[in-house]
Amino acid sequence: MFDQLLRPKVAFLVGIGLLLVGFLFEVVVYPAAIYAAQSIGYPLASDFAQGLVQIVSTISWIIRFVGPALIAASLVLLKLDRLSAAGTFRPTQTGATHDEAGD
């Protein structure tokens, strides 16, 4: 299952999806949460709502960071995939360390 997530197309689509979700969080959920937190008159309920607003803000920040990272990773994976298909990129494993190779 993990190897299917490393496909460039899947990583790219997940990155785009995360950017869209982050945008929706920022435009729709975050202002509604702030409005709800400000409209509560009780201090304890207002503190609880402010905590929820901070959670929404943190989730939005994480999503906005991970989305572009996945898009960049998908481009790198696509380039490596094309290089390996063309035969120009062939990772080798000799089993010898740098010190043993000099002997």
Protein backbone atom coordinates (compact mmCIF):
# COMPACT_ATOMS: atom_id res chain seq x y z
CA MET A 1 0.00 0.00 0.00
CA PHE A 2 2.81 2.42 0.85
CA ASP A 3 4.41 1.93 -2.56
CA GLN A 4 1.18 3.04 -4.25
CA LEU A 5 1.27 6.30 -2.31
CA LEU A 6 4.73 7.03 -3.70
CA ARG A 7 3.50 7.25 -7.26
CA PRO A 8 4.01 10.74 -8.68
CA LYS A 9 0.42 11.17 -9.86
CA VAL A 10 -1.05 10.16 -6.51
CA ALA A 11 1.32 12.44 -4.58
CA PHE A 12 0.52 15.33 -6.92
CA LEU A 13 -3.25 14.86 -6.60
CA VAL A 14 -3.05 14.56 -2.81
CA GLY A 15 -0.97 17.75 -2.71
CA ILE A 16 -3.52 19.62 -4.82
CA GLY A 17 -6.33 18.26 -2.65
CA LEU A 18 -4.58 19.38 0.52
CA LEU A 19 -4.10 22.86 -0.93
CA LEU A 20 -7.81 23.06 -1.74
CA VAL A 21 -8.77 21.83 1.73
CA GLY A 22 -6.38 24.34 3.30
CA PHE A 23 -7.93 27.11 1.22
CA LEU A 24 -11.44 26.06 2.30
CA PHE A 25 -10.33 25.97 5.94
CA GLU A 26 -8.89 29.46 5.63
CA VAL A 27 -11.84 30.98 3.76
CA VAL A 28 -14.86 29.18 5.22
CA VAL A 29 -14.12 27.38 8.49
CA TYR A 30 -11.71 29.80 10.16
CA PRO A 31 -13.90 32.95 9.88
CA ALA A 32 -16.98 31.01 10.99
CA ALA A 33 -15.08 29.64 13.98
CA ILE A 34 -13.87 33.11 14.96
CA TYR A 35 -17.38 34.53 14.65
CA ALA A 36 -18.78 31.70 16.79
CA ALA A 37 -16.08 32.22 19.41
CA GLN A 38 -16.77 35.95 19.61
CA SER A 39 -20.54 35.56 19.82
CA ILE A 40 -20.47 33.40 22.96
CA GLY A 41 -21.08 35.50 26.05
CA TYR A 42 -19.85 33.11 28.71
CA PRO A 43 -16.12 33.29 29.53
CA LEU A 44 -15.50 29.54 29.83
CA ALA A 45 -17.36 28.76 26.61
CA SER A 46 -15.51 31.57 24.86
CA ASP A 47 -12.16 30.15 26.01
CA PHE A 48 -13.18 26.71 24.74
CA ALA A 49 -14.22 28.17 21.38
CA GLN A 50 -10.94 30.08 21.14
CA GLY A 51 -9.13 26.79 21.68
CA LEU A 52 -11.09 25.25 18.82
CA VAL A 53 -10.19 28.23 16.63
CA GLN A 54 -6.51 27.65 17.41
CA ILE A 55 -6.87 23.97 16.48
CA VAL A 56 -8.47 24.91 13.15
CA SER A 57 -5.70 27.43 12.54
CA THR A 58 -3.00 24.85 13.30
CA ILE A 59 -4.58 22.26 11.00
CA SER A 60 -4.81 24.85 8.24
CA TRP A 61 -1.15 25.78 8.70
CA ILE A 62 -0.02 22.15 8.56
CA ILE A 63 -2.11 21.51 5.45
CA ARG A 64 -0.68 24.58 3.73
CA PHE A 65 2.83 23.28 4.46
CA VAL A 66 2.33 19.64 3.46
CA GLY A 67 0.43 20.32 0.20
CA PRO A 68 3.25 22.12 -1.66
CA ALA A 69 5.79 19.68 -0.21
CA LEU A 70 3.85 16.78 -1.73
CA ILE A 71 3.62 18.57 -5.07
CA ALA A 72 7.39 19.16 -5.09
CA ALA A 73 8.04 15.55 -4.07
CA SER A 74 5.81 14.30 -6.88
CA LEU A 75 7.82 16.32 -9.40
CA VAL A 76 11.06 14.82 -8.07
CA LEU A 77 9.56 11.31 -8.19
CA LEU A 78 8.39 11.90 -11.75
CA LYS A 79 11.86 13.05 -12.81
CA LEU A 80 13.51 10.03 -11.16
CA ASP A 81 10.97 7.73 -12.78
CA ARG A 82 11.69 9.17 -16.22
CA LEU A 83 15.45 9.03 -15.70
CA SER A 84 15.30 5.40 -14.62
CA ALA A 85 13.06 4.51 -17.58
CA ALA A 86 15.53 6.14 -19.97
CA GLY A 87 18.42 4.24 -18.40
CA THR A 88 20.42 7.30 -17.37
CA PHE A 89 19.73 6.86 -13.68
CA ARG A 90 20.83 3.50 -12.34
CA PRO A 91 21.49 3.35 -8.63
CA THR A 92 24.20 0.83 -7.85
CA GLN A 93 24.85 -1.03 -4.65
CA THR A 94 28.36 -2.37 -4.47
CA GLY A 95 28.32 -3.27 -0.83
CA ALA A 96 31.73 -1.71 -0.31
CA THR A 97 32.21 1.38 1.82
CA HIS A 98 34.35 4.31 0.77
CA ASP A 99 37.30 3.05 2.82
CA GLU A 100 37.14 -0.47 1.40
CA ALA A 101 36.94 0.80 -2.18
CA GLY A 102 40.31 2.59 -1.84
CA ASP A 103 42.18 -0.58 -0.70
